[in-house]
N, C-alpha and C. Protein backbone atom coordinates (compact mmCIF):
# COMPACT_ATOMS: atom_id res chain seq x y z
N MET A 1 0.84 -1.18 0.00
CA MET A 1 0.00 0.00 0.00
C MET A 1 0.89 1.24 0.00
N GLY A 2 0.42 2.23 -0.73
CA GLY A 2 1.19 3.45 -0.83
C GLY A 2 0.82 4.46 0.25
N LYS A 3 1.76 5.36 0.50
CA LYS A 3 1.51 6.40 1.49
C LYS A 3 0.70 7.53 0.86
N ARG A 4 -0.02 8.24 1.68
CA ARG A 4 -0.72 9.41 1.20
C ARG A 4 0.25 10.57 1.10
N LYS A 5 0.01 11.41 0.13
CA LYS A 5 0.87 12.58 -0.03
C LYS A 5 0.54 13.60 1.04
N SER A 6 1.56 14.11 1.67
CA SER A 6 1.32 15.13 2.69
C SER A 6 1.27 16.50 2.02
N ARG A 7 0.43 17.34 2.54
CA ARG A 7 0.31 18.68 2.00
C ARG A 7 1.35 19.57 2.68
N THR A 8 2.17 20.17 1.88
CA THR A 8 3.17 21.07 2.45
C THR A 8 2.65 22.50 2.34
N LYS A 9 2.90 23.26 3.37
CA LYS A 9 2.48 24.65 3.37
C LYS A 9 3.48 25.46 2.56
N PRO A 10 2.99 26.45 1.81
CA PRO A 10 3.93 27.29 1.07
C PRO A 10 4.75 28.13 2.05
N PRO A 11 5.99 28.44 1.69
CA PRO A 11 6.80 29.24 2.61
C PRO A 11 6.19 30.63 2.81
N PRO A 12 6.32 31.17 4.00
CA PRO A 12 5.74 32.50 4.24
C PRO A 12 6.45 33.57 3.41
N ARG A 13 5.67 34.54 2.96
CA ARG A 13 6.26 35.61 2.16
C ARG A 13 7.04 36.56 3.04
N LYS A 14 8.16 37.02 2.52
CA LYS A 14 8.96 37.98 3.27
C LYS A 14 8.29 39.34 3.20
N ARG A 15 8.22 39.99 4.33
CA ARG A 15 7.60 41.31 4.40
C ARG A 15 8.62 42.37 4.03
N ARG A 16 8.28 43.20 3.07
CA ARG A 16 9.18 44.28 2.66
C ARG A 16 8.78 45.54 3.39
N ASP A 17 9.75 46.20 3.98
CA ASP A 17 9.48 47.45 4.67
C ASP A 17 9.22 48.55 3.64
N LYS A 18 8.30 49.43 3.98
CA LYS A 18 7.97 50.55 3.11
C LYS A 18 9.07 51.60 3.19
N LEU A 19 9.39 52.22 2.07
CA LEU A 19 10.36 53.31 2.05
C LEU A 19 9.68 54.61 2.44
N ASP A 20 10.46 55.52 3.00
CA ASP A 20 9.91 56.81 3.40
C ASP A 20 9.50 57.64 2.18
N THR A 21 8.50 58.50 2.38
CA THR A 21 8.09 59.42 1.33
C THR A 21 8.22 60.87 1.78
N VAL A 22 8.44 61.10 3.08
CA VAL A 22 8.70 62.45 3.59
C VAL A 22 10.05 62.43 4.30
N PHE A 23 10.79 63.55 4.16
CA PHE A 23 12.16 63.60 4.64
C PHE A 23 12.43 64.92 5.34
N SER A 24 13.63 65.06 5.91
CA SER A 24 14.02 66.31 6.55
C SER A 24 14.69 67.20 5.50
N CYS A 25 14.50 68.50 5.64
CA CYS A 25 15.01 69.46 4.67
C CYS A 25 16.51 69.70 4.89
N PRO A 26 17.32 69.69 3.82
CA PRO A 26 18.75 69.94 3.99
C PRO A 26 19.06 71.41 4.27
N PHE A 27 18.12 72.31 4.05
CA PHE A 27 18.36 73.73 4.25
C PHE A 27 17.89 74.22 5.62
N CYS A 28 16.65 73.89 6.00
CA CYS A 28 16.12 74.36 7.28
C CYS A 28 16.17 73.29 8.37
N ASN A 29 16.58 72.07 8.05
CA ASN A 29 16.68 70.94 8.98
C ASN A 29 15.39 70.64 9.72
N HIS A 30 14.27 70.98 9.13
CA HIS A 30 12.97 70.68 9.74
C HIS A 30 12.59 69.26 9.34
N GLY A 31 12.30 68.43 10.32
CA GLY A 31 11.97 67.02 10.05
C GLY A 31 10.63 66.87 9.38
N THR A 32 10.51 65.93 8.51
CA THR A 32 9.29 65.56 7.77
C THR A 32 8.64 66.73 7.05
N SER A 33 9.43 67.63 6.51
CA SER A 33 8.86 68.76 5.78
C SER A 33 9.03 68.65 4.27
N VAL A 34 9.84 67.73 3.81
CA VAL A 34 10.08 67.57 2.37
C VAL A 34 9.20 66.45 1.84
N GLU A 35 8.40 66.78 0.84
CA GLU A 35 7.57 65.79 0.17
C GLU A 35 8.07 65.60 -1.24
N CYS A 36 8.08 64.38 -1.70
CA CYS A 36 8.51 64.06 -3.06
C CYS A 36 7.29 63.66 -3.88
N LYS A 37 7.16 64.28 -5.05
CA LYS A 37 6.07 63.96 -5.95
C LYS A 37 6.65 63.51 -7.28
N ILE A 38 6.04 62.49 -7.86
CA ILE A 38 6.52 61.96 -9.13
C ILE A 38 5.40 62.11 -10.16
N ASP A 39 5.71 62.79 -11.26
CA ASP A 39 4.77 62.96 -12.36
C ASP A 39 5.24 62.08 -13.51
N MET A 40 4.66 60.89 -13.61
CA MET A 40 5.09 59.94 -14.64
C MET A 40 4.65 60.37 -16.04
N LYS A 41 3.63 61.22 -16.12
CA LYS A 41 3.17 61.68 -17.42
C LYS A 41 4.23 62.54 -18.09
N ASN A 42 4.87 63.42 -17.31
CA ASN A 42 5.91 64.32 -17.84
C ASN A 42 7.31 63.85 -17.48
N LEU A 43 7.43 62.73 -16.75
CA LEU A 43 8.72 62.16 -16.32
C LEU A 43 9.53 63.16 -15.49
N ILE A 44 8.86 63.81 -14.54
CA ILE A 44 9.50 64.78 -13.66
C ILE A 44 9.22 64.39 -12.22
N GLY A 45 10.28 64.44 -11.42
CA GLY A 45 10.14 64.21 -9.98
C GLY A 45 10.52 65.48 -9.26
N GLU A 46 9.74 65.86 -8.25
CA GLU A 46 10.00 67.11 -7.54
C GLU A 46 9.98 66.86 -6.03
N ALA A 47 10.99 67.41 -5.36
CA ALA A 47 11.05 67.39 -3.91
C ALA A 47 10.97 68.83 -3.45
N SER A 48 10.05 69.13 -2.54
CA SER A 48 9.90 70.50 -2.07
C SER A 48 9.64 70.53 -0.58
N CYS A 49 10.18 71.56 0.07
CA CYS A 49 10.03 71.75 1.51
C CYS A 49 8.83 72.66 1.76
N ARG A 50 7.97 72.26 2.70
CA ARG A 50 6.80 73.08 3.02
C ARG A 50 7.16 74.27 3.89
N ILE A 51 8.27 74.21 4.61
CA ILE A 51 8.63 75.26 5.56
C ILE A 51 9.40 76.39 4.87
N CYS A 52 10.55 76.06 4.26
CA CYS A 52 11.38 77.10 3.64
C CYS A 52 11.14 77.24 2.14
N GLU A 53 10.26 76.41 1.58
CA GLU A 53 9.86 76.46 0.18
C GLU A 53 11.00 76.25 -0.82
N GLU A 54 12.06 75.57 -0.41
CA GLU A 54 13.11 75.17 -1.34
C GLU A 54 12.59 73.98 -2.14
N SER A 55 13.03 73.87 -3.38
CA SER A 55 12.57 72.74 -4.19
C SER A 55 13.68 72.27 -5.11
N PHE A 56 13.51 71.04 -5.59
CA PHE A 56 14.45 70.41 -6.50
C PHE A 56 13.66 69.52 -7.43
N SER A 57 13.96 69.58 -8.73
CA SER A 57 13.28 68.71 -9.68
C SER A 57 14.30 68.00 -10.55
N THR A 58 13.93 66.81 -10.98
CA THR A 58 14.82 65.99 -11.78
C THR A 58 13.99 65.10 -12.69
N THR A 59 14.64 64.50 -13.66
CA THR A 59 13.95 63.56 -14.54
C THR A 59 13.87 62.20 -13.84
N VAL A 60 12.81 61.46 -14.13
CA VAL A 60 12.60 60.17 -13.48
C VAL A 60 12.39 59.09 -14.53
N THR A 61 12.49 57.86 -14.07
CA THR A 61 12.19 56.69 -14.91
C THR A 61 11.07 55.91 -14.23
N ALA A 62 10.70 54.81 -14.81
CA ALA A 62 9.63 54.00 -14.24
C ALA A 62 10.03 53.37 -12.91
N LEU A 63 11.32 53.24 -12.66
CA LEU A 63 11.80 52.60 -11.43
C LEU A 63 12.12 53.60 -10.32
N THR A 64 11.96 54.88 -10.55
CA THR A 64 12.32 55.90 -9.57
C THR A 64 11.34 55.91 -8.41
N GLU A 65 11.88 56.01 -7.21
CA GLU A 65 11.10 56.11 -5.97
C GLU A 65 11.37 57.48 -5.34
N PRO A 66 10.53 57.91 -4.40
CA PRO A 66 10.76 59.21 -3.75
C PRO A 66 12.12 59.32 -3.07
N ILE A 67 12.63 58.24 -2.50
CA ILE A 67 13.94 58.28 -1.86
C ILE A 67 15.03 58.59 -2.87
N ASP A 68 14.86 58.16 -4.12
CA ASP A 68 15.84 58.44 -5.16
C ASP A 68 15.90 59.93 -5.47
N ILE A 69 14.76 60.57 -5.51
CA ILE A 69 14.71 62.01 -5.79
C ILE A 69 15.38 62.77 -4.66
N TYR A 70 15.06 62.41 -3.41
CA TYR A 70 15.66 63.07 -2.25
C TYR A 70 17.17 62.86 -2.23
N SER A 71 17.63 61.65 -2.55
CA SER A 71 19.06 61.36 -2.57
C SER A 71 19.78 62.18 -3.63
N GLU A 72 19.16 62.34 -4.79
CA GLU A 72 19.76 63.17 -5.83
C GLU A 72 19.86 64.63 -5.38
N TRP A 73 18.86 65.10 -4.64
CA TRP A 73 18.88 66.47 -4.13
C TRP A 73 20.03 66.65 -3.14
N ILE A 74 20.21 65.70 -2.25
CA ILE A 74 21.31 65.77 -1.27
C ILE A 74 22.65 65.72 -1.99
N ASP A 75 22.78 64.84 -2.99
CA ASP A 75 24.03 64.75 -3.75
C ASP A 75 24.33 66.06 -4.48
N GLU A 76 23.30 66.69 -5.04
CA GLU A 76 23.49 67.95 -5.75
C GLU A 76 23.90 69.06 -4.78
N CYS A 77 23.32 69.07 -3.59
CA CYS A 77 23.71 70.07 -2.58
C CYS A 77 25.17 69.89 -2.18
N GLU A 78 25.61 68.66 -1.99
CA GLU A 78 27.00 68.40 -1.63
C GLU A 78 27.93 68.78 -2.77
N ARG A 79 27.53 68.50 -4.00
CA ARG A 79 28.37 68.85 -5.15
C ARG A 79 28.54 70.36 -5.25
N VAL A 80 27.46 71.12 -5.07
CA VAL A 80 27.53 72.58 -5.14
C VAL A 80 28.39 73.12 -4.00
N ASN A 81 28.25 72.56 -2.81
CA ASN A 81 29.04 73.02 -1.67
C ASN A 81 30.52 72.74 -1.89
N ASN A 82 30.86 71.60 -2.48
CA ASN A 82 32.26 71.28 -2.77
C ASN A 82 32.83 72.20 -3.82
N LEU A 83 32.04 72.59 -4.83
CA LEU A 83 32.51 73.52 -5.85
C LEU A 83 32.78 74.89 -5.24
N GLU A 84 31.92 75.33 -4.31
CA GLU A 84 32.11 76.62 -3.66
C GLU A 84 33.34 76.60 -2.78
N ASP A 85 33.59 75.49 -2.09
CA ASP A 85 34.78 75.37 -1.24
C ASP A 85 36.05 75.38 -2.06
N ASP A 86 36.04 74.72 -3.22
CA ASP A 86 37.22 74.69 -4.08
C ASP A 86 37.48 76.07 -4.68
N GLY A 87 36.45 76.81 -5.00
CA GLY A 87 36.61 78.13 -5.58
C GLY A 87 37.08 79.16 -4.57
N ALA A 88 36.80 78.96 -3.29
CA ALA A 88 37.18 79.92 -2.25
C ALA A 88 38.65 79.81 -1.89
N GLU A 89 39.26 78.67 -2.14
CA GLU A 89 40.65 78.47 -1.75
C GLU A 89 41.63 79.06 -2.71
């Protein structure tokens, strides 16, 4: 006589943590004041601060997330600051 087949449970799905969509402003250092908006129709991503009204816009792709736009803004701020430091010396 043959054995009955046992039913195996599928492995549990791994839970992915959600990425942030609001960030702290690099200019006024106010927490959770920067919102990132993505306009896929025009392929433009914009990060803007509600407190000091600073903003940054960049081109986006289908894979772009709000954290990517904020990271590009921080990188651009650092690049500009480094250029100013090099020019002052």
